[in-house]
Protein backbone atom coordinates (compact mmCIF):
# COMPACT_ATOMS: atom_id res chain seq x y z
CA UNK A 1 -16.69 1.45 60.50
CA UNK A 2 -19.44 -0.68 62.33
CA UNK A 3 -22.65 -1.28 59.69
CA UNK A 4 -26.00 -2.16 61.53
CA UNK A 5 -28.11 -4.58 59.85
CA UNK A 6 -31.86 -4.72 60.79
CA UNK A 7 -33.63 -7.53 59.14
CA UNK A 8 -36.43 -10.15 60.01
CA UNK A 9 -35.65 -13.79 61.35
CA UNK A 10 -36.24 -16.69 58.79
CA UNK A 11 -35.33 -19.47 61.18
CA UNK A 12 -35.70 -22.85 59.82
CA UNK A 13 -36.84 -21.28 56.23
CA UNK A 14 -33.83 -19.76 55.69
CA UNK A 15 -32.11 -23.09 55.63
CA UNK A 16 -33.86 -24.53 52.39
CA UNK A 17 -33.49 -21.46 50.70
CA UNK A 18 -30.64 -19.11 50.33
CA UNK A 19 -32.08 -16.84 47.84
CA UNK A 20 -34.29 -15.35 51.41
CA UNK A 21 -31.73 -12.77 50.98
CA UNK A 22 -33.76 -10.45 53.35
CA UNK A 23 -33.29 -12.13 56.59
CA UNK A 24 -30.27 -12.15 59.39
CA UNK A 25 -29.28 -15.70 58.26
CA UNK A 26 -28.71 -14.84 55.02
CA UNK A 27 -27.68 -11.00 55.46
CA UNK A 28 -28.52 -9.60 52.07
CA UNK A 29 -25.69 -11.93 50.92
CA UNK A 30 -23.02 -9.13 51.95
CA UNK A 31 -21.26 -10.19 55.01
CA UNK A 32 -18.16 -11.75 53.36
CA UNK A 33 -17.95 -8.53 51.13
CA UNK A 34 -18.30 -6.19 54.07
CA UNK A 35 -15.81 -7.83 55.73
CA UNK A 36 -13.35 -8.42 53.03
CA UNK A 37 -13.61 -4.36 53.22
CA UNK A 38 -12.31 -4.20 56.64
CA UNK A 39 -15.99 -3.28 58.10
CA UNK A 40 -17.51 -4.78 61.01
CA UNK A 41 -21.61 -5.85 60.38
CA UNK A 42 -23.60 -6.43 63.19
CA UNK A 43 -27.25 -8.23 62.23
CA UNK A 44 -30.06 -8.22 64.55
CA UNK A 45 -33.89 -8.81 64.06
CA UNK A 46 -34.51 -7.10 67.71
CA UNK A 47 -35.50 -3.48 67.07
CA UNK A 48 -38.10 -2.84 69.49
CA UNK A 49 -37.62 -1.08 72.55
CA UNK A 50 -34.38 1.14 74.81
CA UNK A 51 -33.25 -1.99 75.15
CA UNK A 52 -32.83 -3.68 71.78
CA UNK A 53 -29.94 -4.92 69.99
CA UNK A 54 -30.93 -1.74 67.67
CA UNK A 55 -30.73 0.52 70.11
CA UNK A 56 -27.63 -0.48 71.96
CA UNK A 57 -25.65 -1.06 68.26
CA UNK A 58 -26.79 2.35 66.55
CA UNK A 59 -24.92 4.26 69.45
CA UNK A 60 -21.37 3.53 67.52
CA UNK A 61 -22.69 2.59 64.02
CA UNK A 62 -21.82 4.74 60.88
CA UNK A 63 -24.25 2.85 58.63
CA UNK A 64 -27.42 1.49 59.47
CA UNK A 65 -29.40 -0.82 56.95
CA UNK A 66 -32.76 -1.84 57.37
CA UNK A 67 -36.13 -2.89 55.24
CA UNK A 68 -39.75 -1.49 54.64
CA UNK A 69 -40.68 -5.08 55.85
CA UNK A 70 -39.42 -5.27 59.38
CA UNK A 71 -38.45 -1.76 59.60
CA UNK A 72 -36.11 -0.36 62.35
CA UNK A 73 -37.78 2.61 62.83
CA UNK A 74 -34.57 5.43 63.08
CA UNK A 75 -36.82 8.22 64.75
CA UNK A 76 -35.08 11.38 66.14
CA UNK A 77 -34.36 10.02 69.48
CA UNK A 78 -32.38 7.50 67.98
CA UNK A 79 -30.58 9.77 65.21
CA UNK A 80 -29.60 11.89 68.49
CA UNK A 81 -27.74 8.77 70.14
CA UNK A 82 -26.37 7.71 67.05
CA UNK A 83 -23.13 10.04 67.08
CA UNK A 84 -21.18 8.25 64.43
CA UNK A 85 -23.94 7.78 61.76
CA UNK A 86 -23.57 9.05 58.26
CA UNK A 87 -25.95 6.61 56.17
CA UNK A 88 -28.98 5.03 56.30
CA UNK A 89 -30.03 2.82 53.40
CA UNK A 90 -33.59 1.31 52.79
CA UNK A 91 -32.92 -2.28 51.44
CA UNK A 92 -36.05 -1.85 49.25
CA UNK A 93 -38.43 0.98 48.59
CA UNK A 94 -39.83 3.50 51.11
CA UNK A 95 -37.76 5.44 53.73
CA UNK A 96 -40.70 6.33 55.89
CA UNK A 97 -39.08 4.95 58.77
CA UNK A 98 -36.54 6.97 59.14
CA UNK A 99 -37.06 10.15 60.55
CA UNK A 100 -36.02 12.52 57.17
CA UNK A 101 -35.84 16.00 59.13
CA UNK A 102 -33.73 14.79 61.94
CA UNK A 103 -31.53 13.39 59.27
CA UNK A 104 -31.34 16.57 57.60
CA UNK A 105 -30.05 17.96 60.57
CA UNK A 106 -27.41 15.81 61.16
CA UNK A 107 -26.70 15.53 57.46
CA UNK A 108 -26.88 12.09 57.23
CA UNK A 109 -27.76 10.35 53.67
CA UNK A 110 -30.59 8.79 53.04
CA UNK A 111 -30.86 6.06 50.50
CA UNK A 112 -32.97 3.63 48.94
CA UNK A 113 -32.86 1.03 46.25
CA UNK A 114 -35.60 3.04 43.68
CA UNK A 115 -37.44 0.20 41.02
CA UNK A 116 -36.53 -2.71 43.01
CA UNK A 117 -40.02 -3.71 43.67
CA UNK A 118 -41.95 -2.14 41.01
CA UNK A 119 -42.77 -5.34 39.41
CA UNK A 120 -43.44 -7.25 42.29
CA UNK A 121 -45.76 -4.94 43.57
CA UNK A 122 -47.59 -4.60 40.71
CA UNK A 123 -48.23 -8.28 40.47
CA UNK A 124 -49.22 -8.15 44.19
CA UNK A 125 -51.74 -5.60 43.58
CA UNK A 126 -53.43 -7.30 40.54
CA UNK A 127 -53.38 -10.65 42.35
CA UNK A 128 -55.27 -8.81 45.35
CA UNK A 129 -57.83 -7.26 43.31
CA UNK A 130 -59.00 -10.41 41.96
CA UNK A 131 -58.63 -12.11 45.48
CA UNK A 132 -60.90 -9.28 46.59
CA UNK A 133 -63.20 -9.20 43.61
CA UNK A 134 -63.75 -12.95 42.85
CA UNK A 135 -64.07 -13.67 46.65
CA UNK A 136 -61.38 -15.59 46.69
CA UNK A 137 -60.50 -16.07 50.36
CA UNK A 138 -63.85 -17.70 51.80
CA UNK A 139 -63.96 -20.28 49.01
CA UNK A 140 -60.70 -21.23 49.87
CA UNK A 141 -61.22 -21.41 53.94
CA UNK A 142 -64.40 -23.22 53.01
CA UNK A 143 -62.79 -26.31 50.89
CA UNK A 144 -60.09 -26.51 53.50
CA UNK A 145 -62.30 -26.23 56.15
CA UNK A 146 -64.06 -29.46 54.07
CA UNK A 147 -67.09 -27.88 53.02
CA UNK A 148 -68.85 -27.37 49.87
CA UNK A 149 -71.48 -24.30 49.45
CA UNK A 150 -71.15 -22.65 45.99
CA UNK A 151 -73.80 -20.22 47.07
CA UNK A 152 -72.24 -18.95 50.20
CA UNK A 153 -69.33 -18.13 48.04
CA UNK A 154 -70.78 -16.87 44.81
CA UNK A 155 -73.51 -14.27 46.57
CA UNK A 156 -70.17 -11.77 46.93
CA UNK A 157 -68.55 -12.78 44.19
CA UNK A 158 -68.17 -10.48 40.96
CA UNK A 159 -66.26 -10.09 37.76
CA UNK A 160 -63.45 -7.68 37.41
CA UNK A 161 -64.36 -7.09 33.58
CA UNK A 162 -66.99 -3.52 33.16
CA UNK A 163 -65.46 -2.10 36.37
CA UNK A 164 -64.00 1.32 36.91
CA UNK A 165 -60.21 1.07 38.35
CA UNK A 166 -58.56 4.22 39.87
CA UNK A 167 -55.05 4.75 41.27
CA UNK A 168 -54.07 7.10 43.91
CA UNK A 169 -50.92 8.04 42.40
CA UNK A 170 -49.10 7.25 39.01
CA UNK A 171 -45.68 6.58 39.58
CA UNK A 172 -43.62 3.47 38.78
CA UNK A 173 -46.21 1.33 40.24
CA UNK A 174 -49.44 2.52 39.87
CA UNK A 175 -48.59 3.05 36.18
CA UNK A 176 -47.46 -0.77 35.79
CA UNK A 177 -50.55 -1.94 38.07
CA UNK A 178 -52.82 -0.01 35.28
CA UNK A 179 -50.96 -1.70 32.43
CA UNK A 180 -51.61 -5.33 33.97
CA UNK A 181 -55.09 -4.10 34.17
CA UNK A 182 -56.03 -3.22 30.72
CA UNK A 183 -56.56 -6.69 29.43
CA UNK A 184 -59.23 -7.56 31.75
CA UNK A 185 -61.77 -5.10 29.82
CA UNK A 186 -62.34 -2.31 32.38
CA UNK A 187 -65.02 0.32 31.86
CA UNK A 188 -62.31 3.09 32.46
CA UNK A 189 -59.19 3.09 34.18
CA UNK A 190 -58.53 6.85 36.22
CA UNK A 191 -56.00 7.88 37.88
CA UNK A 192 -55.12 10.89 40.71
CA UNK A 193 -51.93 12.27 41.18
CA UNK A 194 -50.55 15.65 41.54
CA UNK A 195 -48.74 15.58 38.33
CA UNK A 196 -50.22 14.35 34.96
CA UNK A 197 -48.91 11.75 32.69
CA UNK A 198 -47.63 13.10 29.44
CA UNK A 199 -50.56 12.70 26.74
CA UNK A 200 -49.16 10.16 24.64
CA UNK A 201 -48.99 7.58 27.42
CA UNK A 202 -52.52 8.43 28.72
CA UNK A 203 -53.19 7.71 25.44
CA UNK A 204 -51.20 4.89 25.15
CA UNK A 205 -52.50 3.31 28.62
CA UNK A 206 -56.53 4.37 28.25
CA UNK A 207 -56.55 6.37 31.21
CA UNK A 208 -57.99 9.55 32.67
CA UNK A 209 -56.63 11.80 35.34
CA UNK A 210 -59.02 13.43 37.71
CA UNK A 211 -57.90 16.14 39.32
CA UNK A 212 -60.25 15.95 42.34
CA UNK A 213 -59.63 12.73 44.70
CA UNK A 214 -62.84 12.74 45.78
CA UNK A 215 -64.53 12.98 42.29
CA UNK A 216 -62.37 9.94 41.69
CA UNK A 217 -63.27 7.73 44.49
CA UNK A 218 -67.05 8.58 43.47
CA UNK A 219 -66.36 6.66 40.27
CA UNK A 220 -64.38 3.83 41.46
CA UNK A 221 -65.48 0.41 41.84
CA UNK A 222 -61.65 -0.48 42.66
CA UNK A 223 -59.39 1.96 44.30
CA UNK A 224 -55.65 0.85 44.38
CA UNK A 225 -53.59 3.22 46.62
CA UNK A 226 -49.76 3.86 45.15
CA UNK A 227 -48.57 6.62 46.55
CA UNK A 228 -45.98 7.54 49.12
CA UNK A 229 -46.19 7.94 52.73
CA UNK A 230 -45.88 11.46 54.06
CA UNK A 231 -47.84 14.40 55.91
CA UNK A 232 -49.95 14.84 53.58
CA UNK A 233 -51.13 11.34 53.20
CA UNK A 234 -50.99 9.79 56.51
CA UNK A 235 -54.38 9.14 57.71
CA UNK A 236 -55.56 10.33 54.25
CA UNK A 237 -58.05 7.04 53.89
CA UNK A 238 -60.17 8.11 57.02
CA UNK A 239 -63.93 7.94 57.58
CA UNK A 240 -64.87 11.11 55.96
CA UNK A 241 -62.65 10.35 52.83
CA UNK A 242 -63.95 6.60 52.85
CA UNK A 243 -67.66 8.32 53.36
CA UNK A 244 -66.86 9.74 49.54
CA UNK A 245 -66.01 6.48 47.92
CA UNK A 246 -68.73 4.69 46.11
CA UNK A 247 -70.60 2.25 48.56
CA UNK A 248 -69.36 -1.13 48.05
CA UNK A 249 -66.35 -0.52 46.23
CA UNK A 250 -63.09 -2.45 47.19
CA UNK A 251 -60.01 -0.71 48.57
CA UNK A 252 -56.49 -2.28 47.78
CA UNK A 253 -53.23 -0.70 49.88
CA UNK A 254 -49.71 -1.72 49.12
CA UNK A 255 -48.32 1.43 49.46
CA UNK A 256 -48.24 2.35 53.48
CA UNK A 257 -50.33 1.41 56.20
CA UNK A 258 -50.35 4.61 57.88
CA UNK A 259 -52.29 5.96 54.89
CA UNK A 260 -55.38 4.72 56.07
CA UNK A 261 -56.50 4.93 59.44
CA UNK A 262 -56.98 1.44 60.84
CA UNK A 263 -60.25 1.75 62.69
CA UNK A 264 -61.96 3.66 59.87
CA UNK A 265 -61.36 1.05 57.45
CA UNK A 266 -62.45 -1.62 59.92
CA UNK A 267 -65.90 -0.29 60.24
CA UNK A 268 -66.13 0.93 56.95
CA UNK A 269 -66.09 -3.14 55.70
CA UNK A 270 -68.09 -4.10 58.64
CA UNK A 271 -70.80 -1.41 57.49
CA UNK A 272 -70.53 -2.04 53.63
CA UNK A 273 -69.50 1.33 52.57
CA UNK A 274 -66.65 -0.64 51.56
CA UNK A 275 -67.09 -4.29 50.12
CA UNK A 276 -63.54 -4.91 51.08
CA UNK A 277 -60.16 -4.11 51.99
CA UNK A 278 -56.69 -5.81 50.74
CA UNK A 279 -53.62 -4.58 52.37
CA UNK A 280 -50.07 -5.66 52.31
CA UNK A 281 -48.94 -2.67 54.55
CA UNK A 282 -49.44 -2.16 58.26
CA UNK A 283 -48.14 0.67 61.07
CA UNK A 284 -46.67 -0.51 62.84
CA UNK A 285 -45.15 -3.66 61.53
CA UNK A 286 -45.34 -6.32 62.54
CA UNK A 287 -48.79 -5.56 63.14
CA UNK A 288 -50.10 -6.18 66.95
CA UNK A 289 -52.22 -9.26 67.11
CA UNK A 290 -55.53 -7.24 67.98
CA UNK A 291 -55.24 -5.51 64.70
CA UNK A 292 -58.62 -4.72 63.41
CA UNK A 293 -57.74 -6.07 59.75
CA UNK A 294 -56.73 -9.23 61.12
CA UNK A 295 -60.52 -9.96 61.60
CA UNK A 296 -62.70 -7.47 59.62
CA UNK A 297 -65.34 -9.06 57.47
CA UNK A 298 -68.19 -7.89 55.75
CA UNK A 299 -71.70 -8.74 56.15
CA UNK A 300 -71.03 -12.06 53.63
CA UNK A 301 -68.15 -12.89 55.89
CA UNK A 302 -65.52 -11.97 53.40
CA UNK A 303 -64.01 -8.51 52.31
CA UNK A 304 -60.26 -9.22 53.99
CA UNK A 305 -57.47 -9.81 52.05
CA UNK A 306 -54.30 -9.24 53.92
CA UNK A 307 -50.70 -9.90 53.73
CA UNK A 308 -47.97 -9.51 56.06
CA UNK A 309 -46.22 -6.76 53.44
CA UNK A 310 -44.71 -9.15 51.36
CA UNK A 311 -45.42 -7.40 47.97
CA UNK A 312 -42.07 -6.31 47.53
CA UNK A 313 -39.81 -8.94 48.80
CA UNK A 314 -40.56 -11.63 46.35
CA UNK A 315 -37.26 -13.81 45.84
CA UNK A 316 -36.72 -12.24 42.35
CA UNK A 317 -37.10 -8.58 44.54
CA UNK A 318 -34.64 -9.40 47.25
CA UNK A 319 -32.09 -10.01 45.04
CA UNK A 320 -32.77 -6.76 43.61
CA UNK A 321 -32.46 -4.84 46.71
CA UNK A 322 -29.59 -6.92 47.89
CA UNK A 323 -27.46 -6.03 44.59
CA UNK A 324 -28.86 -2.19 45.10
CA UNK A 325 -28.10 -2.11 48.55
CA UNK A 326 -24.20 -3.44 47.62
CA UNK A 327 -23.40 -0.87 45.29
CA UNK A 328 -24.74 1.80 47.56
CA UNK A 329 -22.42 0.62 50.08
CA UNK A 330 -19.23 0.61 47.45
CA UNK A 331 -20.04 3.97 46.71
CA UNK A 332 -20.26 5.03 50.30
CA UNK A 333 -16.88 2.95 51.41
CA UNK A 334 -15.04 4.04 48.22
CA UNK A 335 -15.79 7.87 48.73
CA UNK A 336 -17.21 8.36 45.38
CA UNK A 337 -20.58 8.76 46.74
CA UNK A 338 -21.96 8.59 42.83
CA UNK A 339 -25.31 7.29 43.94
CA UNK A 340 -27.68 6.72 41.46
CA UNK A 341 -29.96 10.04 41.73
CA UNK A 342 -33.25 8.45 41.81
CA UNK A 343 -32.01 6.17 45.11
CA UNK A 344 -31.13 9.47 47.25
CA UNK A 345 -33.75 10.69 49.64
CA UNK A 346 -31.92 13.18 51.53
CA UNK A 347 -28.22 13.97 51.24
CA UNK A 348 -26.23 17.40 52.77
CA UNK A 349 -28.70 18.29 55.00
CA UNK A 350 -31.56 18.70 51.91
CA UNK A 351 -33.99 16.56 50.33
CA UNK A 352 -33.01 15.06 47.04
CA UNK A 353 -35.64 17.12 45.01
CA UNK A 354 -33.15 20.31 45.96
CA UNK A 355 -29.87 18.53 46.18
CA UNK A 356 -30.13 16.48 42.92
CA UNK A 357 -32.33 18.69 40.88
CA UNK A 358 -35.13 16.02 40.40
CA UNK A 359 -37.72 13.67 41.67
CA UNK A 360 -37.59 10.07 41.66
């Protein structure tokens, strides 16, 4: 059996840190184990274009493993020529890089390691909020350049205390974000989600549900996006929706880049509709060098807190998703197919909500 593993290249960085499991050099730490099972492992970072290593090896691969951080986009076209493909595994969380409808049509199982990133992403969201609100990036750039101008930074620096924060989505990550923000003494914490939290959790956390997204956005000083990417959220934060936000609010997105319309966000930062945008996710990934989020600034020369999709891939998270990937593979190799229900996205030609009768 051929297993195709698509990861990023860490180069010299892999030499110093064996815990950097999410790279081609360290291969999630599973090569010896896979080969001991009698299977072939092909690892590559080359995933773009018809002549890529991904396209070359997917033709006869039975299992494809990729990550959200350097995604191998498993499109309908690639699935069509992957005649042996039976299982797609996301080493991490978020399988939107796989055409799930095409996978269902071929009865290809798609799994991910649910829960492996929740602590890491929640911490990253809180960090990004502080970086934006306190205007950290320009301050850091200033001193690194040898300058010292307090007023230039302080004129766009605020406290998180006393602000209204809202999350779009209050699943595993959104809930933990608000848990971690609670001690900051916020004026109010709001959430928008199709499903309400149990009353006892709302009261314990001190949050209020707003049934209209536009109504919530109008009240928030800080908005954090913690919902999955699907047809109804793709391009959700466009010019029209951003215009409904409180003027001068900060927007943080660690969910998926395609939830936001890139130029509309950049224009909103430039105009002051958004005071700043902090994003860890892009589309596509890696992002092109001329992507507007790399260089956008507000009128104060601030408003940008971007990172290259690292929120869910701390060394601790890498150990969790590497172990979870091994567990999924073990279930498949053995023929037990006893995956954790929460890890299954599609199976037996249907979505896990129907096949397993529950939602993650």
